[in-house]
Amino acid sequence: MGQKVSRTDFEWVYTEEPHASRRKIILEKYPQIKKLFGHDPNFKWIAGAMVLTQILALFIVKDLSWPWLLVLAYCFGGILNHSLMLAVHEISHNLAFGHSRPMHNRILGFICNLPIGLPMSISFKKYHLEHHRYQGDEVIDTDIPTLLEARLFDTTFGKFMWVCLQPFFYIFRPLVINPKPPTRLEIINTIIQLTFNAAVVYFIGWKAMAYLIFGSILAMGLHPVAGHFISEHYMFAKGFETYSYYGPLNWITFNVGYHNEHHDFPAVPGSRLPEVKRIAKEFYETMPQHTSWTRVLYDFVMDPSVGPYARVKRRQRGLAS
């Protein structure tokens, strides 16, 4: 089973999350960062081209053998679908059309969701904005593994399996930790998605649908682009709960690697986050950072000091400690 992790509990802290206070300090010193706020007018075209590419790919994969279909799903389709998930992430902050046109953002979210195969754009927004506002909260922040996960997957092999199963934890963990009744937009999202899936199966075939679903699941698990799930908030250096990555995979993930910058300034679109780092470099270059998402996955599995327990948590206000 491999070496057991050295941690036996989460990293409990009794301070506020660090990003709001750092945002205030940075803006006092560099008020010009406010000029970077707002939507990215090019984003909708990039995201739309990715959706179109995936739909066109369906007519190629429908005739492939199952082994080649899985290879293409892992090496191409999964990467595109993961990028589309991160497009949904951008859209959840209204960075496609701005805060003045919320329904435009939601509609583009529905479109970006189509190749992913599972309805998630509205649900993601609902939980993700709480992750920003209540980072580390033991109940509200569903990005943090449950105690059961941490106890079950506490060996080298266990952590390997946990990484492979990550997509299922991301899907079901919110329903366990912080369940919410479905909203009207979530129901609409589901109807649109199921209609699209049915059309793919009817007109192109089951293999095309499998390519989309398998790609989404594979690229959320043991895959280089999925390294950002762990790199963003797992505690690789004591006292630091958010980490940035400045490597080349940012080019296909809307700069989600600039994660300290994103949490400090969620109103800045991904395309402008490198400019935030350039302006306020003394705030970011001195913090621990990752150089490889693949190395993050390797270290997470092999390093006994890191595992599902390696997360900063805060007691929910009003709960007994």
C-alpha atoms as a PDB file:
ATOM      1  CA  MET A   1       0.000   0.000   0.000  1.00  0.00           C
ATOM      2  CA  GLY A   2       3.011   2.278   0.327  1.00  0.00           C
ATOM      3  CA  GLN A   3       4.076   4.732   2.981  1.00  0.00           C
ATOM      4  CA  LYS A   4       1.433   6.229   5.249  1.00  0.00           C
ATOM      5  CA  VAL A   5       0.982  10.009   5.314  1.00  0.00           C
ATOM      6  CA  SER A   6       2.524  11.834   8.255  1.00  0.00           C
ATOM      7  CA  ARG A   7      -0.438  14.154   8.835  1.00  0.00           C
ATOM      8  CA  THR A   8      -3.389  12.990  10.905  1.00  0.00           C
ATOM      9  CA  ASP A   9      -5.536  16.128  10.675  1.00  0.00           C
ATOM     10  CA  PHE A  10      -6.117  19.190   8.543  1.00  0.00           C
ATOM     11  CA  GLU A  11      -4.248  22.443   9.171  1.00  0.00           C
ATOM     12  CA  TRP A  12      -6.716  24.344  11.341  1.00  0.00           C
ATOM     13  CA  VAL A  13      -6.243  28.123  11.441  1.00  0.00           C
ATOM     14  CA  TYR A  14      -8.145  30.918  13.145  1.00  0.00           C
ATOM     15  CA  THR A  15      -7.346  33.780  10.798  1.00  0.00           C
ATOM     16  CA  GLU A  16      -9.329  35.145   7.856  1.00  0.00           C
ATOM     17  CA  GLU A  17      -8.496  33.926   4.358  1.00  0.00           C
ATOM     18  CA  PRO A  18      -5.509  35.955   3.088  1.00  0.00           C
ATOM     19  CA  HIS A  19      -6.718  37.276  -0.242  1.00  0.00           C
ATOM     20  CA  ALA A  20      -9.095  40.090   0.764  1.00  0.00           C
ATOM     21  CA  SER A  21      -6.487  41.763   2.964  1.00  0.00           C
ATOM     22  CA  ARG A  22      -3.730  41.372   0.359  1.00  0.00           C
ATOM     23  CA  ARG A  23      -6.038  42.788  -2.322  1.00  0.00           C
ATOM     24  CA  LYS A  24      -6.523  45.913  -0.237  1.00  0.00           C
ATOM     25  CA  ILE A  25      -2.774  46.352   0.332  1.00  0.00           C
ATOM     26  CA  ILE A  26      -1.915  45.822  -3.334  1.00  0.00           C
ATOM     27  CA  LEU A  27      -4.588  48.239  -4.565  1.00  0.00           C
ATOM     28  CA  GLU A  28      -3.364  50.907  -2.160  1.00  0.00           C
ATOM     29  CA  LYS A  29       0.102  50.602  -3.691  1.00  0.00           C
ATOM     30  CA  TYR A  30      -0.928  49.876  -7.289  1.00  0.00           C
ATOM     31  CA  PRO A  31      -4.374  51.407  -7.964  1.00  0.00           C
ATOM     32  CA  GLN A  32      -3.770  50.970 -11.717  1.00  0.00           C
ATOM     33  CA  ILE A  33      -4.649  47.282 -11.312  1.00  0.00           C
ATOM     34  CA  LYS A  34      -8.290  48.366 -11.236  1.00  0.00           C
ATOM     35  CA  LYS A  35      -7.936  49.148 -14.953  1.00  0.00           C
ATOM     36  CA  LEU A  36      -7.517  45.400 -15.524  1.00  0.00           C
ATOM     37  CA  PHE A  37     -10.964  44.656 -14.066  1.00  0.00           C
ATOM     38  CA  GLY A  38     -13.739  43.711 -16.471  1.00  0.00           C
ATOM     39  CA  HIS A  39     -14.555  41.130 -19.117  1.00  0.00           C
ATOM     40  CA  ASP A  40     -12.292  39.865 -21.889  1.00  0.00           C
ATOM     41  CA  PRO A  41     -13.925  40.633 -25.290  1.00  0.00           C
ATOM     42  CA  ASN A  42     -11.882  37.889 -27.005  1.00  0.00           C
ATOM     43  CA  PHE A  43     -12.871  35.164 -24.570  1.00  0.00           C
ATOM     44  CA  LYS A  44     -16.196  34.215 -26.197  1.00  0.00           C
ATOM     45  CA  TRP A  45     -14.504  33.622 -29.558  1.00  0.00           C
ATOM     46  CA  ILE A  46     -11.791  31.410 -28.062  1.00  0.00           C
ATOM     47  CA  ALA A  47     -14.283  29.383 -26.040  1.00  0.00           C
ATOM     48  CA  GLY A  48     -16.655  29.097 -29.009  1.00  0.00           C
ATOM     49  CA  ALA A  49     -13.836  27.826 -31.244  1.00  0.00           C
ATOM     50  CA  MET A  50     -13.020  25.144 -28.681  1.00  0.00           C
ATOM     51  CA  VAL A  51     -16.643  23.973 -28.603  1.00  0.00           C
ATOM     52  CA  LEU A  52     -16.769  23.853 -32.399  1.00  0.00           C
ATOM     53  CA  THR A  53     -13.494  21.898 -32.543  1.00  0.00           C
ATOM     54  CA  GLN A  54     -14.881  19.256 -30.186  1.00  0.00           C
ATOM     55  CA  ILE A  55     -18.108  18.916 -32.154  1.00  0.00           C
ATOM     56  CA  LEU A  56     -16.159  18.488 -35.413  1.00  0.00           C
ATOM     57  CA  ALA A  57     -13.918  15.905 -33.716  1.00  0.00           C
ATOM     58  CA  LEU A  58     -16.984  13.753 -33.039  1.00  0.00           C
ATOM     59  CA  PHE A  59     -17.246  12.940 -36.749  1.00  0.00           C
ATOM     60  CA  ILE A  60     -13.684  11.587 -36.662  1.00  0.00           C
ATOM     61  CA  VAL A  61     -13.836   9.563 -33.457  1.00  0.00           C
ATOM     62  CA  LYS A  62     -17.125   7.828 -34.318  1.00  0.00           C
ATOM     63  CA  ASP A  63     -15.254   5.399 -36.589  1.00  0.00           C
ATOM     64  CA  LEU A  64     -12.216   4.788 -34.360  1.00  0.00           C
ATOM     65  CA  SER A  65     -11.532   1.573 -32.487  1.00  0.00           C
ATOM     66  CA  TRP A  66     -12.101   1.756 -28.737  1.00  0.00           C
ATOM     67  CA  PRO A  67      -8.355   1.801 -27.862  1.00  0.00           C
ATOM     68  CA  TRP A  68      -7.675   4.701 -30.228  1.00  0.00           C
ATOM     69  CA  LEU A  69     -10.792   6.501 -29.046  1.00  0.00           C
ATOM     70  CA  LEU A  70      -9.530   6.350 -25.449  1.00  0.00           C
ATOM     71  CA  VAL A  71      -6.074   7.540 -26.499  1.00  0.00           C
ATOM     72  CA  LEU A  72      -7.586  10.498 -28.349  1.00  0.00           C
ATOM     73  CA  ALA A  73      -9.922  11.218 -25.437  1.00  0.00           C
ATOM     74  CA  TYR A  74      -6.961  11.380 -23.034  1.00  0.00           C
ATOM     75  CA  CYS A  75      -4.491  13.227 -25.273  1.00  0.00           C
ATOM     76  CA  PHE A  76      -6.797  15.624 -27.125  1.00  0.00           C
ATOM     77  CA  GLY A  77     -10.483  15.641 -26.243  1.00  0.00           C
ATOM     78  CA  GLY A  78      -9.904  15.527 -22.511  1.00  0.00           C
ATOM     79  CA  ILE A  79      -7.562  18.509 -22.694  1.00  0.00           C
ATOM     80  CA  LEU A  80     -10.106  20.502 -24.679  1.00  0.00           C
ATOM     81  CA  ASN A  81     -12.882  19.552 -22.279  1.00  0.00           C
ATOM     82  CA  HIS A  82     -10.757  20.475 -19.287  1.00  0.00           C
ATOM     83  CA  SER A  83     -10.062  23.829 -20.916  1.00  0.00           C
ATOM     84  CA  LEU A  84     -13.800  24.237 -21.380  1.00  0.00           C
ATOM     85  CA  MET A  85     -14.315  23.503 -17.680  1.00  0.00           C
ATOM     86  CA  LEU A  86     -11.912  26.338 -16.981  1.00  0.00           C
ATOM     87  CA  ALA A  87     -13.826  28.472 -19.469  1.00  0.00           C
ATOM     88  CA  VAL A  88     -16.882  27.777 -17.297  1.00  0.00           C
ATOM     89  CA  HIS A  89     -14.727  28.899 -14.360  1.00  0.00           C
ATOM     90  CA  GLU A  90     -14.064  32.232 -16.088  1.00  0.00           C
ATOM     91  CA  ILE A  91     -17.751  32.562 -16.938  1.00  0.00           C
ATOM     92  CA  SER A  92     -18.731  31.939 -13.302  1.00  0.00           C
ATOM     93  CA  HIS A  93     -17.009  35.248 -12.512  1.00  0.00           C
ATOM     94  CA  ASN A  94     -18.912  36.970 -15.376  1.00  0.00           C
ATOM     95  CA  LEU A  95     -15.641  37.540 -17.236  1.00  0.00           C
ATOM     96  CA  ALA A  96     -17.073  36.675 -20.663  1.00  0.00           C
ATOM     97  CA  PHE A  97     -19.579  39.544 -20.976  1.00  0.00           C
ATOM     98  CA  GLY A  98     -19.243  41.454 -17.714  1.00  0.00           C
ATOM     99  CA  HIS A  99     -21.510  41.813 -14.698  1.00  0.00           C
ATOM    100  CA  SER A 100     -24.009  43.959 -16.611  1.00  0.00           C
ATOM    101  CA  ARG A 101     -25.012  41.028 -18.862  1.00  0.00           C
ATOM    102  CA  PRO A 102     -25.388  38.040 -16.525  1.00  0.00           C
ATOM    103  CA  MET A 103     -27.646  36.030 -18.833  1.00  0.00           C
ATOM    104  CA  HIS A 104     -25.156  36.334 -21.693  1.00  0.00           C
ATOM    105  CA  ASN A 105     -22.594  34.736 -19.383  1.00  0.00           C
ATOM    106  CA  ARG A 106     -24.995  31.954 -18.382  1.00  0.00           C
ATOM    107  CA  ILE A 107     -25.873  31.163 -22.033  1.00  0.00           C
ATOM    108  CA  LEU A 108     -22.206  30.957 -22.996  1.00  0.00           C
ATOM    109  CA  GLY A 109     -21.749  28.690 -19.965  1.00  0.00           C
ATOM    110  CA  PHE A 110     -24.437  26.367 -21.347  1.00  0.00           C
ATOM    111  CA  ILE A 111     -22.623  26.286 -24.712  1.00  0.00           C
ATOM    112  CA  CYS A 112     -19.188  25.636 -23.196  1.00  0.00           C
ATOM    113  CA  ASN A 113     -20.743  22.887 -21.093  1.00  0.00           C
ATOM    114  CA  LEU A 114     -22.003  20.921 -24.128  1.00  0.00           C
ATOM    115  CA  PRO A 115     -18.835  18.936 -25.018  1.00  0.00           C
ATOM    116  CA  ILE A 116     -18.155  18.210 -21.330  1.00  0.00           C
ATOM    117  CA  GLY A 117     -21.167  15.881 -21.357  1.00  0.00           C
ATOM    118  CA  LEU A 118     -22.272  16.465 -17.754  1.00  0.00           C
ATOM    119  CA  PRO A 119     -24.387  19.496 -16.757  1.00  0.00           C
ATOM    120  CA  MET A 120     -22.194  21.592 -14.460  1.00  0.00           C
ATOM    121  CA  SER A 121     -21.914  25.234 -15.500  1.00  0.00           C
ATOM    122  CA  ILE A 122     -24.600  26.634 -13.173  1.00  0.00           C
ATOM    123  CA  SER A 123     -23.838  24.320 -10.256  1.00  0.00           C
ATOM    124  CA  PHE A 124     -20.144  25.150 -10.519  1.00  0.00           C
ATOM    125  CA  LYS A 125     -20.842  28.874 -10.230  1.00  0.00           C
ATOM    126  CA  LYS A 126     -23.052  28.321  -7.185  1.00  0.00           C
ATOM    127  CA  TYR A 127     -20.327  26.523  -5.237  1.00  0.00           C
ATOM    128  CA  HIS A 128     -17.245  28.197  -6.672  1.00  0.00           C
ATOM    129  CA  LEU A 129     -18.113  31.729  -5.628  1.00  0.00           C
ATOM    130  CA  GLU A 130     -18.523  30.440  -2.076  1.00  0.00           C
ATOM    131  CA  HIS A 131     -15.072  28.853  -2.314  1.00  0.00           C
ATOM    132  CA  HIS A 132     -13.693  32.338  -2.951  1.00  0.00           C
ATOM    133  CA  ARG A 133     -15.622  34.081  -0.232  1.00  0.00           C
ATOM    134  CA  TYR A 134     -15.298  31.362   2.416  1.00  0.00           C
ATOM    135  CA  GLN A 135     -11.972  29.761   1.511  1.00  0.00           C
ATOM    136  CA  GLY A 136     -11.157  26.977   3.955  1.00  0.00           C
ATOM    137  CA  ASP A 137     -14.562  26.952   5.663  1.00  0.00           C
ATOM    138  CA  GLU A 138     -15.155  23.425   6.933  1.00  0.00           C
ATOM    139  CA  VAL A 139     -18.730  23.317   5.589  1.00  0.00           C
ATOM    140  CA  ILE A 140     -19.048  25.882   2.818  1.00  0.00           C
ATOM    141  CA  ASP A 141     -15.788  25.314   0.904  1.00  0.00           C
ATOM    142  CA  THR A 142     -16.501  22.064  -0.945  1.00  0.00           C
ATOM    143  CA  ASP A 143     -13.066  22.145  -2.595  1.00  0.00           C
ATOM    144  CA  ILE A 144     -11.655  20.621   0.617  1.00  0.00           C
ATOM    145  CA  PRO A 145     -11.635  16.797   0.938  1.00  0.00           C
ATOM    146  CA  THR A 146     -13.929  15.245   3.501  1.00  0.00           C
ATOM    147  CA  LEU A 147     -12.543  13.634   6.632  1.00  0.00           C
ATOM    148  CA  LEU A 148     -13.560  10.245   5.192  1.00  0.00           C
ATOM    149  CA  GLU A 149     -11.455  10.862   2.073  1.00  0.00           C
ATOM    150  CA  ALA A 150      -8.452  11.879   4.162  1.00  0.00           C
ATOM    151  CA  ARG A 151      -8.708   8.773   6.345  1.00  0.00           C
ATOM    152  CA  LEU A 152      -9.329   6.292   3.534  1.00  0.00           C
ATOM    153  CA  PHE A 153      -6.663   7.551   1.117  1.00  0.00           C
ATOM    154  CA  ASP A 154      -3.758   7.975   3.530  1.00  0.00           C
ATOM    155  CA  THR A 155      -1.072   5.819   1.869  1.00  0.00           C
ATOM    156  CA  THR A 156       0.966   6.164  -1.320  1.00  0.00           C
ATOM    157  CA  PHE A 157      -1.334   3.795  -3.200  1.00  0.00           C
ATOM    158  CA  GLY A 158      -4.385   5.367  -1.586  1.00  0.00           C
ATOM    159  CA  LYS A 159      -3.365   8.827  -2.746  1.00  0.00           C
ATOM    160  CA  PHE A 160      -2.770   7.467  -6.251  1.00  0.00           C
ATOM    161  CA  MET A 161      -6.308   6.085  -6.295  1.00  0.00           C
ATOM    162  CA  TRP A 162      -7.660   9.355  -4.871  1.00  0.00           C
ATOM    163  CA  VAL A 163      -6.054  11.280  -7.740  1.00  0.00           C
ATOM    164  CA  CYS A 164      -7.594   8.884 -10.276  1.00  0.00           C
ATOM    165  CA  LEU A 165     -11.011   9.226  -8.631  1.00  0.00           C
ATOM    166  CA  GLN A 166     -10.860  13.015  -8.310  1.00  0.00           C
ATOM    167  CA  PRO A 167     -13.613  13.695 -10.865  1.00  0.00           C
ATOM    168  CA  PHE A 168     -16.101  11.697  -8.812  1.00  0.00           C
ATOM    169  CA  PHE A 169     -15.151  13.471  -5.590  1.00  0.00           C
ATOM    170  CA  TYR A 170     -15.607  16.834  -7.300  1.00  0.00           C
ATOM    171  CA  ILE A 171     -19.013  15.776  -8.592  1.00  0.00           C
ATOM    172  CA  PHE A 172     -20.407  14.243  -5.391  1.00  0.00           C
ATOM    173  CA  ARG A 173     -18.573  16.021  -2.556  1.00  0.00           C
ATOM    174  CA  PRO A 174     -20.758  19.186  -2.680  1.00  0.00           C
ATOM    175  CA  LEU A 175     -23.875  17.020  -2.453  1.00  0.00           C
ATOM    176  CA  VAL A 176     -22.547  15.475   0.763  1.00  0.00           C
ATOM    177  CA  ILE A 177     -20.907  18.464   2.470  1.00  0.00           C
ATOM    178  CA  ASN A 178     -23.179  21.329   1.480  1.00  0.00           C
ATOM    179  CA  PRO A 179     -26.271  20.133  -0.437  1.00  0.00           C
ATOM    180  CA  LYS A 180     -28.443  22.799  -2.033  1.00  0.00           C
ATOM    181  CA  PRO A 181     -31.810  22.503  -3.805  1.00  0.00           C
ATOM    182  CA  PRO A 182     -31.523  22.769  -7.605  1.00  0.00           C
ATOM    183  CA  THR A 183     -32.276  26.162  -9.097  1.00  0.00           C
ATOM    184  CA  ARG A 184     -34.303  26.891 -12.217  1.00  0.00           C
ATOM    185  CA  LEU A 185     -31.122  27.611 -14.180  1.00  0.00           C
ATOM    186  CA  GLU A 186     -29.618  24.283 -13.080  1.00  0.00           C
ATOM    187  CA  ILE A 187     -32.701  22.491 -14.392  1.00  0.00           C
ATOM    188  CA  ILE A 188     -32.428  24.386 -17.686  1.00  0.00           C
ATOM    189  CA  ASN A 189     -28.720  23.516 -17.846  1.00  0.00           C
ATOM    190  CA  THR A 190     -29.573  19.837 -17.361  1.00  0.00           C
ATOM    191  CA  ILE A 191     -32.308  19.849 -20.017  1.00  0.00           C
ATOM    192  CA  ILE A 192     -30.031  21.533 -22.572  1.00  0.00           C
ATOM    193  CA  GLN A 193     -27.194  19.123 -21.800  1.00  0.00           C
ATOM    194  CA  LEU A 194     -29.325  15.974 -21.989  1.00  0.00           C
ATOM    195  CA  THR A 195     -30.862  17.190 -25.267  1.00  0.00           C
ATOM    196  CA  PHE A 196     -27.395  17.735 -26.735  1.00  0.00           C
ATOM    197  CA  ASN A 197     -26.217  14.322 -25.498  1.00  0.00           C
ATOM    198  CA  ALA A 198     -29.254  12.633 -27.030  1.00  0.00           C
ATOM    199  CA  ALA A 199     -28.633  14.403 -30.347  1.00  0.00           C
ATOM    200  CA  VAL A 200     -24.995  13.268 -30.364  1.00  0.00           C
ATOM    201  CA  VAL A 201     -26.000   9.646 -29.742  1.00  0.00           C
ATOM    202  CA  TYR A 202     -28.829   9.751 -32.296  1.00  0.00           C
ATOM    203  CA  PHE A 203     -26.988  11.468 -35.143  1.00  0.00           C
ATOM    204  CA  ILE A 204     -23.357  10.422 -34.563  1.00  0.00           C
ATOM    205  CA  GLY A 205     -23.393   7.426 -32.236  1.00  0.00           C
ATOM    206  CA  TRP A 206     -22.473   6.152 -28.789  1.00  0.00           C
ATOM    207  CA  LYS A 207     -18.745   6.248 -29.486  1.00  0.00           C
ATOM    208  CA  ALA A 208     -18.882   9.997 -29.989  1.00  0.00           C
ATOM    209  CA  MET A 209     -20.666  10.413 -26.674  1.00  0.00           C
ATOM    210  CA  ALA A 210     -18.191   8.114 -24.957  1.00  0.00           C
ATOM    211  CA  TYR A 211     -15.320  10.202 -26.337  1.00  0.00           C
ATOM    212  CA  LEU A 212     -16.745  13.309 -24.663  1.00  0.00           C
ATOM    213  CA  ILE A 213     -17.569  11.705 -21.302  1.00  0.00           C
ATOM    214  CA  PHE A 214     -14.357   9.670 -21.047  1.00  0.00           C
ATOM    215  CA  GLY A 215     -12.304  12.709 -22.033  1.00  0.00           C
ATOM    216  CA  SER A 216     -13.876  14.822 -19.304  1.00  0.00           C
ATOM    217  CA  ILE A 217     -13.358  12.171 -16.616  1.00  0.00           C
ATOM    218  CA  LEU A 218      -9.833  11.162 -17.658  1.00  0.00           C
ATOM    219  CA  ALA A 219      -8.601  14.752 -17.791  1.00  0.00           C
ATOM    220  CA  MET A 220      -9.885  15.446 -14.277  1.00  0.00           C
ATOM    221  CA  GLY A 221      -7.929  12.571 -12.773  1.00  0.00           C
ATOM    222  CA  LEU A 222      -4.397  11.339 -13.423  1.00  0.00           C
ATOM    223  CA  HIS A 223      -3.638  13.895 -16.126  1.00  0.00           C
ATOM    224  CA  PRO A 224      -1.131  16.775 -16.319  1.00  0.00           C
ATOM    225  CA  VAL A 225      -3.805  19.460 -16.722  1.00  0.00           C
ATOM    226  CA  ALA A 226      -5.605  18.135 -13.633  1.00  0.00           C
ATOM    227  CA  GLY A 227      -2.525  18.930 -11.580  1.00  0.00           C
ATOM    228  CA  HIS A 228      -3.968  22.383 -10.977  1.00  0.00           C
ATOM    229  CA  PHE A 229      -6.678  20.885  -8.718  1.00  0.00           C
ATOM    230  CA  ILE A 230      -3.959  19.936  -6.240  1.00  0.00           C
ATOM    231  CA  SER A 231      -1.454  22.707  -6.921  1.00  0.00           C
ATOM    232  CA  GLU A 232      -3.903  25.510  -6.129  1.00  0.00           C
ATOM    233  CA  HIS A 233      -4.637  24.963  -2.422  1.00  0.00           C
ATOM    234  CA  TYR A 234      -2.908  21.861  -1.040  1.00  0.00           C
ATOM    235  CA  MET A 235      -0.343  22.866   1.546  1.00  0.00           C
ATOM    236  CA  PHE A 236       3.098  22.060   0.161  1.00  0.00           C
ATOM    237  CA  ALA A 237       4.686  24.768   2.369  1.00  0.00           C
ATOM    238  CA  LYS A 238       3.440  25.349   5.896  1.00  0.00           C
ATOM    239  CA  GLY A 239       1.460  28.548   6.318  1.00  0.00           C
ATOM    240  CA  PHE A 240       0.615  28.975   2.622  1.00  0.00           C
ATOM    241  CA  GLU A 241      -2.834  27.946   1.399  1.00  0.00           C
ATOM    242  CA  THR A 242      -2.825  29.178  -2.211  1.00  0.00           C
ATOM    243  CA  TYR A 243      -0.101  28.575  -4.815  1.00  0.00           C
ATOM    244  CA  SER A 244       0.531  29.837  -8.321  1.00  0.00           C
ATOM    245  CA  TYR A 245       2.017  28.029 -11.314  1.00  0.00           C
ATOM    246  CA  TYR A 246       3.547  30.045 -14.154  1.00  0.00           C
ATOM    247  CA  GLY A 247       4.345  27.288 -16.662  1.00  0.00           C
ATOM    248  CA  PRO A 248       3.219  26.658 -20.261  1.00  0.00           C
ATOM    249  CA  LEU A 249       0.005  24.791 -19.411  1.00  0.00           C
ATOM    250  CA  ASN A 250      -1.470  28.183 -18.557  1.00  0.00           C
ATOM    251  CA  TRP A 251      -1.684  28.746 -22.309  1.00  0.00           C
ATOM    252  CA  ILE A 252      -4.486  26.176 -22.614  1.00  0.00           C
ATOM    253  CA  THR A 253      -6.162  26.758 -19.233  1.00  0.00           C
ATOM    254  CA  PHE A 254      -6.980  30.475 -19.281  1.00  0.00           C
ATOM    255  CA  ASN A 255      -4.078  31.187 -16.889  1.00  0.00           C
ATOM    256  CA  VAL A 256      -5.733  29.373 -14.001  1.00  0.00           C
ATOM    257  CA  GLY A 257      -2.210  28.703 -12.744  1.00  0.00           C
ATOM    258  CA  TYR A 258      -1.985  32.346 -11.693  1.00  0.00           C
ATOM    259  CA  HIS A 259      -4.035  31.304  -8.712  1.00  0.00           C
ATOM    260  CA  ASN A 260      -2.875  33.692  -6.023  1.00  0.00           C
ATOM    261  CA  GLU A 261      -3.453  36.501  -8.496  1.00  0.00           C
ATOM    262  CA  HIS A 262      -6.897  35.111  -9.351  1.00  0.00           C
ATOM    263  CA  HIS A 263      -8.020  34.852  -5.727  1.00  0.00           C
ATOM    264  CA  ASP A 264      -6.651  38.308  -4.989  1.00  0.00           C
ATOM    265  CA  PHE A 265      -8.411  39.783  -8.031  1.00  0.00           C
ATOM    266  CA  PRO A 266     -11.271  37.563  -9.261  1.00  0.00           C
ATOM    267  CA  ALA A 267     -12.604  40.498 -11.311  1.00  0.00           C
ATOM    268  CA  VAL A 268      -9.534  40.315 -13.571  1.00  0.00           C
ATOM    269  CA  PRO A 269      -9.921  37.893 -16.515  1.00  0.00           C
ATOM    270  CA  GLY A 270      -7.336  35.150 -16.922  1.00  0.00           C
ATOM    271  CA  SER A 271      -5.780  36.829 -19.942  1.00  0.00           C
ATOM    272  CA  ARG A 272      -4.735  39.799 -17.764  1.00  0.00           C
ATOM    273  CA  LEU A 273      -3.523  37.953 -14.666  1.00  0.00           C
ATOM    274  CA  PRO A 274       0.112  37.936 -15.875  1.00  0.00           C
ATOM    275  CA  GLU A 275      -0.091  41.734 -15.875  1.00  0.00           C
ATOM    276  CA  VAL A 276      -1.213  41.674 -12.223  1.00  0.00           C
ATOM    277  CA  LYS A 277       1.895  39.638 -11.399  1.00  0.00           C
ATOM    278  CA  ARG A 278       4.104  41.990 -13.428  1.00  0.00           C
ATOM    279  CA  ILE A 279       2.789  45.084 -11.645  1.00  0.00           C
ATOM    280  CA  ALA A 280       2.827  43.655  -8.107  1.00  0.00           C
ATOM    281  CA  LYS A 281       5.697  41.215  -8.559  1.00  0.00           C
ATOM    282  CA  GLU A 282       7.142  41.695  -5.062  1.00  0.00           C
ATOM    283  CA  PHE A 283       3.916  40.263  -3.611  1.00  0.00           C
ATOM    284  CA  TYR A 284       3.928  37.117  -5.751  1.00  0.00           C
ATOM    285  CA  GLU A 285       7.520  36.211  -6.546  1.00  0.00           C
ATOM    286  CA  THR A 286       8.355  35.736  -2.857  1.00  0.00           C
ATOM    287  CA  MET A 287       5.590  33.179  -2.234  1.00  0.00           C
ATOM    288  CA  PRO A 288       6.040  29.422  -2.789  1.00  0.00           C
ATOM    289  CA  GLN A 289       5.026  28.457  -6.318  1.00  0.00           C
ATOM    290  CA  HIS A 290       4.852  25.367  -8.494  1.00  0.00           C
ATOM    291  CA  THR A 291       6.883  24.839 -11.662  1.00  0.00           C
ATOM    292  CA  SER A 292       5.142  21.712 -12.977  1.00  0.00           C
ATOM    293  CA  TRP A 293       1.641  20.302 -12.561  1.00  0.00           C
ATOM    294  CA  THR A 294       2.971  16.834 -13.393  1.00  0.00           C
ATOM    295  CA  ARG A 295       5.509  17.202 -10.584  1.00  0.00           C
ATOM    296  CA  VAL A 296       2.686  18.299  -8.283  1.00  0.00           C
ATOM    297  CA  LEU A 297       0.848  15.033  -8.964  1.00  0.00           C
ATOM    298  CA  TYR A 298       4.020  13.009  -8.373  1.00  0.00           C
ATOM    299  CA  ASP A 299       4.877  14.801  -5.130  1.00  0.00           C
ATOM    300  CA  PHE A 300       1.310  14.543  -3.863  1.00  0.00           C
ATOM    301  CA  VAL A 301       1.349  10.773  -4.289  1.00  0.00           C
ATOM    302  CA  MET A 302       4.910  10.084  -3.158  1.00  0.00           C
ATOM    303  CA  ASP A 303       5.550  12.668  -0.413  1.00  0.00           C
ATOM    304  CA  PRO A 304       4.202  11.418   2.958  1.00  0.00           C
ATOM    305  CA  SER A 305       3.864  15.003   4.234  1.00  0.00           C
ATOM    306  CA  VAL A 306       1.282  15.791   1.559  1.00  0.00           C
ATOM    307  CA  GLY A 307      -2.129  14.231   1.069  1.00  0.00           C
ATOM    308  CA  PRO A 308      -5.850  14.954   1.428  1.00  0.00           C
ATOM    309  CA  TYR A 309      -5.171  16.228   4.964  1.00  0.00           C
ATOM    310  CA  ALA A 310      -2.811  18.922   3.620  1.00  0.00           C
ATOM    311  CA  ARG A 311      -5.449  21.640   3.460  1.00  0.00           C
ATOM    312  CA  VAL A 312      -6.007  24.748   5.548  1.00  0.00           C
ATOM    313  CA  LYS A 313      -9.426  24.652   7.236  1.00  0.00           C
ATOM    314  CA  ARG A 314     -11.418  27.143   9.284  1.00  0.00           C
ATOM    315  CA  ARG A 315     -14.256  26.503  11.683  1.00  0.00           C
ATOM    316  CA  GLN A 316     -17.572  27.647  10.338  1.00  0.00           C
ATOM    317  CA  ARG A 317     -18.763  30.653  12.264  1.00  0.00           C
ATOM    318  CA  GLY A 318     -21.373  29.694  14.819  1.00  0.00           C
ATOM    319  CA  LEU A 319     -20.241  26.082  15.114  1.00  0.00           C
ATOM    320  CA  ALA A 320     -18.753  24.757  18.339  1.00  0.00           C
ATOM    321  CA  SER A 321     -15.027  24.118  18.041  1.00  0.00           C
END
